[in-house]
Structures are given as structure tokens and as C-alpha cells.
Amino acid sequence: MTEPGIVALDRPAWSEADRLAGALGDAVDFYKVGLELFAAEGPAAVRELSGRGKRIFLDLKLHDIPNTVAGAARSAGRLGVDLLTVHASGGAAMVQAAVAAAREASGGKTRILAVTVLTSHAADRLPANYRRDVPLSGIVSALAEDALAAGADGLVCSGEEVAALRGRFGAGPLLVVPGTRPPGADTQDQARVVTPRAALEAGASWLVVGRAVTAAAEPRAAWDEFWRGARA
């Protein structure tokens, strides 16, 4: 059975990302290419992984005027990535422009995920650009509603919000959850974390798996251990 996990290739150079992907082998078929690797290697990293038959989550969290974001989404669509992130806070017009451009360029393959509130933000320490008179859960729900109404295929959210989002929006949207941690693990720079098992039971579609696997001495063994814990 293929696990619903996306490994974060957060590496400063392709040589390091290549070693990690090689260590994981055929256990993983879905990778996240984020800002660090994309800034270093650009589309070449995506093409290399795609050439090996891997699925790509291009996590760039785009946030700009609609025309600029549409251009970037169009380019990502031409690369054939499976998932691309934009910030929901960019507004409905921006999300709608990204969706239209990505779908046209990819023939419908590239799906847009809207990031609600970063999992590094705690409810009592939100940045100034968020309303302070609304609970974090309310902010997430409002951003999700606008993004999905604008055509987003899914959301990136904390595992803490998955159950509520499923209850409100049903089974349709993809819900991608970063920042899960096994019981007792260091939360590092994440603030809103749940265990992998809790995220899956709440209705997460995919878990983005980072340092629990990528920082391990034996990534393949750590991957297997991660999912044994998630399924226990």
C-alpha cells in the first residue's frame, strides 16, 4: 500500500536532495520541492524528479497580484507538477487566477492548494496581518471558504483544523497537513502540531513528512517507522 505521505526535499542543493531520494528509493513516490531547493536549482529539480516517475508538490506559497501569480502558476503547470501552493490570504481573485492558469497550462493535472495559516503560527502569537478579534479557527475557516469558492482544489492546514474543515466542506477538498510529529517528538519550529495518526483519523488527505524522516541517519527505516506509528 502506498502511504499518503509527501517527503519534503528541503535541501540547499540537488546533490543532497538526490542522496535523500536515493536513500528512500521506491518507498516514496511523492516529493515536496519547496523554496530552499527551488531557489537553488529551479525547474531542473522538478524535471529530474518527474523524469524518475515521481509526483511533485511545488510548495512556493505564491502571494502577489493576480497577474503575477497566474504567470507563475502557468509556468508550474507547464512543468507538470501535481500540486502548487498559493497563500489564501492573497484573496479570491488571486486564487482564481492561479487555478485558471495552472489548469490551462497542465491540461488539468496541476491542482492548487491554498495555505490558510502557517503551522508555525500559534493562536496567541499571530502576526499583525491577522485579525486579533477572531479565533485562529475562525480565520482558517474564513480563508478556506474564500479559497475553495475561488476554485482551489484543497488547503494546507494544521492537523488541528482538519476535523472542522472536513465537517464544514465535506470530503471534496484535498487537505494537506505539514508539521505532524510522533508522540513525544520535538516540535522544533512548529506551533500547531498533531500526531500523524490524529491527522489521518481527522480526515487529512496527505501528510508532508519532513525532519522525522529527512534528518534520520537511515531515512528509509525512519519512513517505515513513521507509518508504523501512524497506523498503530
Foldseek 3Di string as FASTA:
>chain_A
DQDQEEEELQDQEVVLSVVLCVLQDPNAQHYEDEDRHCVRPNLVSLLVSVVVVHAYADEYQAADPQVVLLVVLLVVLLSQHQEYEHALVSFLSNLLSSQVNSCVNNVHRYAYAHEQDDQLDDQVRDDPVDDVVDGSLVSSVVSQVSNVVSPHQAYEDALVNLLVCCVVPNLRHAYEYEQEDQPPDDSPSGDRYHHLLSSVVSPHSHYHDYCQQSVDPRNNVSVVVSVVRNVD
